[in-house]
C-alpha atoms as a PDB file:
ATOM      1  CA  MET A   1      76.567 122.745 199.306  1.00  0.00           C
ATOM      2  CA  LYS A   2      77.586 123.777 196.057  1.00  0.00           C
ATOM      3  CA  SER A   3      74.765 121.811 194.355  1.00  0.00           C
ATOM      4  CA  THR A   4      72.493 123.386 197.008  1.00  0.00           C
ATOM      5  CA  CYS A   5      73.581 126.847 195.960  1.00  0.00           C
ATOM      6  CA  ILE A   6      73.131 126.296 192.487  1.00  0.00           C
ATOM      7  CA  LEU A   7      70.043 124.842 192.313  1.00  0.00           C
ATOM      8  CA  VAL A   8      68.460 127.905 194.181  1.00  0.00           C
ATOM      9  CA  LEU A   9      69.864 130.411 191.297  1.00  0.00           C
ATOM     10  CA  VAL A  10      68.364 128.276 188.714  1.00  0.00           C
ATOM     11  CA  LEU A  11      65.134 128.203 190.499  1.00  0.00           C
ATOM     12  CA  ALA A  12      65.322 132.299 190.605  1.00  0.00           C
ATOM     13  CA  ILE A  13      65.089 132.393 186.893  1.00  0.00           C
ATOM     14  CA  ALA A  14      63.325 129.296 185.964  1.00  0.00           C
ATOM     15  CA  VAL A  15      59.438 128.215 185.589  1.00  0.00           C
ATOM     16  CA  HIS A  16      57.390 126.577 182.835  1.00  0.00           C
ATOM     17  CA  PRO A  17      58.658 124.766 179.722  1.00  0.00           C
ATOM     18  CA  GLY A  18      55.970 126.109 177.445  1.00  0.00           C
ATOM     19  CA  ALA A  19      57.788 129.357 177.523  1.00  0.00           C
ATOM     20  CA  ALA A  20      60.650 128.940 175.144  1.00  0.00           C
ATOM     21  CA  HIS A  21      59.000 129.578 172.098  1.00  0.00           C
ATOM     22  CA  ILE A  22      57.486 133.331 173.245  1.00  0.00           C
ATOM     23  CA  LEU A  23      61.169 133.857 174.355  1.00  0.00           C
ATOM     24  CA  ALA A  24      62.575 133.120 170.714  1.00  0.00           C
ATOM     25  CA  ASP A  25      59.409 135.131 169.323  1.00  0.00           C
ATOM     26  CA  ALA A  26      59.973 138.267 170.789  1.00  0.00           C
ATOM     27  CA  SER A  27      63.906 138.604 170.459  1.00  0.00           C
ATOM     28  CA  SER A  28      63.909 138.033 166.650  1.00  0.00           C
ATOM     29  CA  PRO A  29      65.656 139.577 164.813  1.00  0.00           C
ATOM     30  CA  GLY A  30      63.920 142.770 163.097  1.00  0.00           C
ATOM     31  CA  ILE A  31      61.013 142.965 165.425  1.00  0.00           C
ATOM     32  CA  GLU A  32      61.892 146.450 166.117  1.00  0.00           C
ATOM     33  CA  GLY A  33      62.813 148.118 163.174  1.00  0.00           C
ATOM     34  CA  ARG A  34      59.170 147.530 161.575  1.00  0.00           C
ATOM     35  CA  GLY A  35      57.917 151.509 162.147  1.00  0.00           C
ATOM     36  CA  LYS A  36      55.654 150.155 165.112  1.00  0.00           C
ATOM     37  CA  SER A  37      55.737 150.823 168.764  1.00  0.00           C
ATOM     38  CA  VAL A  38      58.006 148.469 170.846  1.00  0.00           C
ATOM     39  CA  LEU A  39      54.584 147.301 172.444  1.00  0.00           C
ATOM     40  CA  ASP A  40      53.570 145.985 169.608  1.00  0.00           C
ATOM     41  CA  ARG A  41      55.287 142.827 169.810  1.00  0.00           C
ATOM     42  CA  PHE A  42      52.988 141.771 173.356  1.00  0.00           C
ATOM     43  CA  SER A  43      49.604 140.628 173.435  1.00  0.00           C
ATOM     44  CA  ALA A  44      47.096 142.971 174.624  1.00  0.00           C
ATOM     45  CA  GLY A  45      46.907 141.778 178.234  1.00  0.00           C
ATOM     46  CA  GLN A  46      51.005 142.176 178.257  1.00  0.00           C
ATOM     47  CA  LYS A  47      50.403 145.609 177.124  1.00  0.00           C
ATOM     48  CA  LYS A  48      47.975 146.770 180.116  1.00  0.00           C
ATOM     49  CA  THR A  49      50.205 145.008 182.543  1.00  0.00           C
ATOM     50  CA  LEU A  50      53.382 147.075 181.230  1.00  0.00           C
ATOM     51  CA  LEU A  51      51.505 150.437 180.566  1.00  0.00           C
ATOM     52  CA  ALA A  52      50.021 149.745 184.475  1.00  0.00           C
ATOM     53  CA  GLY A  53      53.713 150.064 185.571  1.00  0.00           C
ATOM     54  CA  GLN A  54      53.685 146.242 186.336  1.00  0.00           C
ATOM     55  CA  PRO A  55      57.047 143.814 185.039  1.00  0.00           C
ATOM     56  CA  ILE A  56      55.816 140.767 182.903  1.00  0.00           C
ATOM     57  CA  PHE A  57      58.136 138.130 182.563  1.00  0.00           C
ATOM     58  CA  GLU A  58      58.378 134.447 180.907  1.00  0.00           C
ATOM     59  CA  SER A  59      61.093 132.012 181.621  1.00  0.00           C
ATOM     60  CA  GLY A  60      61.375 128.248 180.834  1.00  0.00           C
ATOM     61  CA  ILE A  61      64.130 125.098 181.370  1.00  0.00           C
ATOM     62  CA  ALA A  62      64.729 122.346 178.972  1.00  0.00           C
ATOM     63  CA  GLY A  63      67.412 119.407 178.911  1.00  0.00           C
ATOM     64  CA  GLY A  64      70.743 120.551 177.394  1.00  0.00           C
ATOM     65  CA  PRO A  65      72.791 118.588 175.148  1.00  0.00           C
ATOM     66  CA  ASP A  66      74.755 116.649 177.858  1.00  0.00           C
ATOM     67  CA  GLY A  67      71.573 115.866 179.601  1.00  0.00           C
ATOM     68  CA  ASN A  68      72.333 118.891 182.317  1.00  0.00           C
ATOM     69  CA  HIS A  69      69.076 121.609 182.408  1.00  0.00           C
ATOM     70  CA  GLU A  70      69.492 124.791 180.935  1.00  0.00           C
ATOM     71  CA  ALA A  71      67.418 127.489 182.030  1.00  0.00           C
ATOM     72  CA  HIS A  72      66.339 130.571 180.629  1.00  0.00           C
ATOM     73  CA  GLY A  73      64.245 133.756 181.116  1.00  0.00           C
ATOM     74  CA  ARG A  74      63.048 137.323 180.399  1.00  0.00           C
ATOM     75  CA  THR A  75      61.305 139.754 182.475  1.00  0.00           C
ATOM     76  CA  THR A  76      60.526 143.237 180.823  1.00  0.00           C
ATOM     77  CA  ALA A  77      59.295 146.720 182.169  1.00  0.00           C
ATOM     78  CA  LEU A  78      58.060 150.310 181.016  1.00  0.00           C
ATOM     79  CA  ILE A  79      60.678 153.258 182.268  1.00  0.00           C
ATOM     80  CA  ASN A  80      59.259 156.492 182.890  1.00  0.00           C
ATOM     81  CA  LYS A  81      62.613 158.301 181.746  1.00  0.00           C
ATOM     82  CA  PRO A  82      64.405 158.991 178.221  1.00  0.00           C
ATOM     83  CA  VAL A  83      66.423 155.903 176.946  1.00  0.00           C
ATOM     84  CA  ASP A  84      69.319 157.799 177.336  1.00  0.00           C
ATOM     85  CA  ASP A  85      68.558 158.803 181.330  1.00  0.00           C
ATOM     86  CA  CYS A  86      67.948 154.666 181.599  1.00  0.00           C
ATOM     87  CA  PHE A  87      71.184 153.725 179.614  1.00  0.00           C
ATOM     88  CA  LYS A  88      73.581 156.100 181.671  1.00  0.00           C
ATOM     89  CA  ILE A  89      72.413 154.859 185.357  1.00  0.00           C
ATOM     90  CA  PHE A  90      72.146 151.104 184.744  1.00  0.00           C
ATOM     91  CA  CYS A  91      75.353 151.564 182.822  1.00  0.00           C
ATOM     92  CA  GLU A  92      76.705 152.394 186.644  1.00  0.00           C
ATOM     93  CA  VAL A  93      77.443 148.589 187.149  1.00  0.00           C
ATOM     94  CA  ASP A  94      79.664 149.427 190.152  1.00  0.00           C
ATOM     95  CA  LYS A  95      76.216 150.326 191.344  1.00  0.00           C
ATOM     96  CA  HIS A  96      73.851 147.409 191.059  1.00  0.00           C
ATOM     97  CA  TYR A  97      74.305 145.830 194.483  1.00  0.00           C
ATOM     98  CA  LEU A  98      72.853 148.803 196.129  1.00  0.00           C
ATOM     99  CA  TYR A  99      69.149 148.217 193.969  1.00  0.00           C
ATOM    100  CA  LEU A 100      69.366 144.658 192.318  1.00  0.00           C
ATOM    101  CA  PRO A 101      67.655 141.949 194.262  1.00  0.00           C
ATOM    102  CA  ARG A 102      70.006 139.567 196.226  1.00  0.00           C
ATOM    103  CA  THR A 103      72.893 141.436 195.010  1.00  0.00           C
ATOM    104  CA  THR A 104      75.582 142.625 197.851  1.00  0.00           C
ATOM    105  CA  VAL A 105      78.509 142.618 195.892  1.00  0.00           C
ATOM    106  CA  SER A 106      79.182 144.385 192.054  1.00  0.00           C
ATOM    107  CA  ARG A 107      82.816 145.139 191.646  1.00  0.00           C
ATOM    108  CA  VAL A 108      84.501 145.748 188.370  1.00  0.00           C
ATOM    109  CA  LEU A 109      87.774 143.917 188.129  1.00  0.00           C
ATOM    110  CA  LYS A 110      88.715 145.471 184.753  1.00  0.00           C
ATOM    111  CA  ARG A 111      87.655 148.132 182.292  1.00  0.00           C
ATOM    112  CA  GLU A 112      88.928 148.614 178.522  1.00  0.00           C
ATOM    113  CA  CYS A 113      86.142 150.537 176.390  1.00  0.00           C
ATOM    114  CA  ASN A 114      83.292 149.039 176.134  1.00  0.00           C
ATOM    115  CA  THR A 115      84.110 145.685 177.564  1.00  0.00           C
ATOM    116  CA  ILE A 116      84.117 145.509 181.556  1.00  0.00           C
ATOM    117  CA  VAL A 117      84.957 141.906 183.817  1.00  0.00           C
ATOM    118  CA  ILE A 118      82.913 142.478 186.643  1.00  0.00           C
ATOM    119  CA  TYR A 119      82.393 140.013 189.893  1.00  0.00           C
ATOM    120  CA  LYS A 120      78.896 139.484 191.742  1.00  0.00           C
ATOM    121  CA  GLU A 121      77.711 138.183 194.417  1.00  0.00           C
ATOM    122  CA  LEU A 122      73.982 136.767 195.743  1.00  0.00           C
ATOM    123  CA  ASP A 123      72.690 136.660 199.161  1.00  0.00           C
ATOM    124  CA  TYR A 124      70.263 133.210 199.171  1.00  0.00           C
ATOM    125  CA  GLY A 125      70.441 133.797 202.719  1.00  0.00           C
ATOM    126  CA  PHE A 126      71.738 130.577 203.867  1.00  0.00           C
ATOM    127  CA  ILE A 127      74.649 130.383 200.799  1.00  0.00           C
ATOM    128  CA  THR A 128      76.332 133.224 198.718  1.00  0.00           C
ATOM    129  CA  VAL A 129      76.413 132.725 195.151  1.00  0.00           C
ATOM    130  CA  ARG A 130      79.244 134.171 193.149  1.00  0.00           C
ATOM    131  CA  TYR A 131      80.062 134.605 189.623  1.00  0.00           C
ATOM    132  CA  THR A 132      82.298 136.727 187.299  1.00  0.00           C
ATOM    133  CA  ASN A 133      80.856 138.285 183.907  1.00  0.00           C
ATOM    134  CA  ILE A 134      82.550 139.694 181.091  1.00  0.00           C
ATOM    135  CA  LEU A 135      80.040 142.926 179.880  1.00  0.00           C
ATOM    136  CA  THR A 136      79.641 144.139 176.575  1.00  0.00           C
ATOM    137  CA  ILE A 137      78.591 147.420 176.528  1.00  0.00           C
ATOM    138  CA  ASP A 138      76.867 148.727 172.928  1.00  0.00           C
ATOM    139  CA  PRO A 139      75.640 152.427 173.470  1.00  0.00           C
ATOM    140  CA  GLU A 140      74.205 152.895 170.273  1.00  0.00           C
ATOM    141  CA  ALA A 141      71.651 149.681 171.152  1.00  0.00           C
ATOM    142  CA  TYR A 142      71.736 150.532 174.528  1.00  0.00           C
ATOM    143  CA  ARG A 143      72.369 147.147 175.185  1.00  0.00           C
ATOM    144  CA  VAL A 144      74.528 145.374 177.671  1.00  0.00           C
ATOM    145  CA  ASP A 145      75.251 141.351 177.101  1.00  0.00           C
ATOM    146  CA  PHE A 146      77.055 139.552 179.414  1.00  0.00           C
ATOM    147  CA  VAL A 147      78.962 135.988 179.735  1.00  0.00           C
ATOM    148  CA  THR A 148      80.364 133.674 182.159  1.00  0.00           C
ATOM    149  CA  ASP A 149      84.093 134.748 182.194  1.00  0.00           C
ATOM    150  CA  PRO A 150      85.864 131.199 182.488  1.00  0.00           C
ATOM    151  CA  LYS A 151      88.685 132.946 183.910  1.00  0.00           C
ATOM    152  CA  GLY A 152      86.815 133.976 187.209  1.00  0.00           C
ATOM    153  CA  ILE A 153      85.148 132.599 190.401  1.00  0.00           C
ATOM    154  CA  ASN A 154      81.424 131.126 189.096  1.00  0.00           C
ATOM    155  CA  THR A 155      79.267 128.818 191.252  1.00  0.00           C
ATOM    156  CA  VAL A 156      77.421 127.830 187.884  1.00  0.00           C
ATOM    157  CA  LYS A 157      78.970 126.319 184.787  1.00  0.00           C
ATOM    158  CA  PHE A 158      77.753 128.773 182.220  1.00  0.00           C
ATOM    159  CA  SER A 159      75.236 132.038 181.608  1.00  0.00           C
ATOM    160  CA  SER A 160      74.784 134.354 178.947  1.00  0.00           C
ATOM    161  CA  GLY A 161      72.406 137.001 178.361  1.00  0.00           C
ATOM    162  CA  TYR A 162      71.856 140.963 177.993  1.00  0.00           C
ATOM    163  CA  TYR A 163      70.316 143.730 179.239  1.00  0.00           C
ATOM    164  CA  ARG A 164      68.461 146.355 177.069  1.00  0.00           C
ATOM    165  CA  PHE A 165      66.271 149.561 176.730  1.00  0.00           C
ATOM    166  CA  GLU A 166      64.177 150.506 173.764  1.00  0.00           C
ATOM    167  CA  LYS A 167      62.729 154.351 173.372  1.00  0.00           C
ATOM    168  CA  LEU A 168      58.668 154.098 173.794  1.00  0.00           C
ATOM    169  CA  ASP A 169      58.633 157.903 173.345  1.00  0.00           C
ATOM    170  CA  GLU A 170      60.711 160.741 174.581  1.00  0.00           C
ATOM    171  CA  ASP A 171      59.821 160.543 178.114  1.00  0.00           C
ATOM    172  CA  ARG A 172      59.403 156.362 178.206  1.00  0.00           C
ATOM    173  CA  ALA A 173      61.567 153.581 177.641  1.00  0.00           C
ATOM    174  CA  LEU A 174      61.512 149.696 177.711  1.00  0.00           C
ATOM    175  CA  PHE A 175      63.645 147.577 179.729  1.00  0.00           C
ATOM    176  CA  THR A 176      64.289 144.220 179.157  1.00  0.00           C
ATOM    177  CA  TYR A 177      66.447 141.578 180.722  1.00  0.00           C
ATOM    178  CA  GLU A 178      67.176 138.420 179.252  1.00  0.00           C
ATOM    179  CA  LEU A 179      68.822 135.574 180.222  1.00  0.00           C
ATOM    180  CA  THR A 180      69.458 133.260 177.233  1.00  0.00           C
ATOM    181  CA  LYS A 181      71.192 130.450 178.741  1.00  0.00           C
ATOM    182  CA  MET A 182      72.386 128.898 182.136  1.00  0.00           C
ATOM    183  CA  ASP A 183      73.680 125.511 182.647  1.00  0.00           C
ATOM    184  CA  SER A 184      73.645 123.956 185.551  1.00  0.00           C
ATOM    185  CA  GLY A 185      73.683 120.657 185.681  1.00  0.00           C
ATOM    186  CA  LEU A 186      71.005 120.175 188.125  1.00  0.00           C
ATOM    187  CA  THR A 187      66.810 118.591 187.657  1.00  0.00           C
ATOM    188  CA  ILE A 188      64.590 121.013 188.896  1.00  0.00           C
ATOM    189  CA  PRO A 189      60.883 119.921 190.188  1.00  0.00           C
ATOM    190  CA  GLU A 190      58.689 122.238 188.333  1.00  0.00           C
ATOM    191  CA  PHE A 191      56.455 123.495 191.538  1.00  0.00           C
ATOM    192  CA  MET A 192      60.237 124.841 192.782  1.00  0.00           C
ATOM    193  CA  GLN A 193      61.079 126.492 189.333  1.00  0.00           C
ATOM    194  CA  LYS A 194      57.296 128.544 189.030  1.00  0.00           C
ATOM    195  CA  HIS A 195      57.668 129.634 192.918  1.00  0.00           C
ATOM    196  CA  MET A 196      61.205 131.294 192.655  1.00  0.00           C
ATOM    197  CA  ALA A 197      60.870 132.587 188.959  1.00  0.00           C
ATOM    198  CA  SER A 198      57.521 134.174 189.678  1.00  0.00           C
ATOM    199  CA  LYS A 199      59.452 136.147 192.872  1.00  0.00           C
ATOM    200  CA  ASP A 200      62.777 136.856 191.156  1.00  0.00           C
ATOM    201  CA  LEU A 201      62.568 137.649 187.531  1.00  0.00           C
ATOM    202  CA  PRO A 202      59.734 140.545 188.326  1.00  0.00           C
ATOM    203  CA  GLU A 203      61.708 141.837 191.091  1.00  0.00           C
ATOM    204  CA  ILE A 204      64.739 142.565 188.782  1.00  0.00           C
ATOM    205  CA  ALA A 205      62.722 144.553 186.560  1.00  0.00           C
ATOM    206  CA  THR A 206      60.799 146.271 189.273  1.00  0.00           C
ATOM    207  CA  SER A 207      64.610 147.428 190.741  1.00  0.00           C
ATOM    208  CA  VAL A 208      65.847 148.906 187.881  1.00  0.00           C
ATOM    209  CA  LYS A 209      62.670 150.533 187.206  1.00  0.00           C
ATOM    210  CA  LYS A 210      62.913 152.542 190.510  1.00  0.00           C
ATOM    211  CA  ARG A 211      66.224 152.836 190.702  1.00  0.00           C
ATOM    212  CA  ILE A 212      65.997 154.667 187.135  1.00  0.00           C
ATOM    213  CA  GLU A 213      62.785 156.681 187.818  1.00  0.00           C
ATOM    214  CA  SER A 214      64.399 157.915 191.073  1.00  0.00           C
ATOM    215  CA  GLY A 215      66.973 159.421 188.791  1.00  0.00           C
ATOM    216  CA  GLY A 216      69.436 157.450 190.520  1.00  0.00           C
ATOM    217  CA  THR A 217      69.107 157.782 194.238  1.00  0.00           C
ATOM    218  CA  TRP A 218      66.555 154.477 195.341  1.00  0.00           C
ATOM    219  CA  VAL A 219      68.090 151.683 197.074  1.00  0.00           C
ATOM    220  CA  LYS A 220      66.577 148.254 198.370  1.00  0.00           C
END
């Protein structure tokens, strides 16, 4: 049962293996600091999608050093709210269960300055995925990094990533969620990767967009 649970979670964020180099390029240091729009790093097609109010996503899966499969993924959406408003609403992490897909529990276990330990549960219908993360909040960068708390309850072996907001103009911001690594130890068929990733990744960005644009009132 545990293996099935891990498999489903990996499927939710993994798609074609060829996306790995795109993920690395888009998150390279210094891209946002060249006096250009934050949209300039995207292709014309991606810009069109974002400006139309739709999320974009890319992900991949590759073999890890110990033979396990390591997944990564990223989704981005344009939000029609000032970046400060976006970050304030999102950082109410104990309310994530109200709007993030599959999330049924988001309980803060410990809070110290800008570090939070949070326990979450995800409902996949036939199984519940449990994990405990350490969140590091950077208000100046409008960024929340997460990494698995090895002392907590976790279904998967390891995961890490971040949520980030970037100012587009005075009234709009760009939201990005990236899972930089998740070690599950499973072999995932490609057709199953594509099916789950095409649904779950964009739903995360869409849910965050709806929640923030509603002023923090929209629930799933």
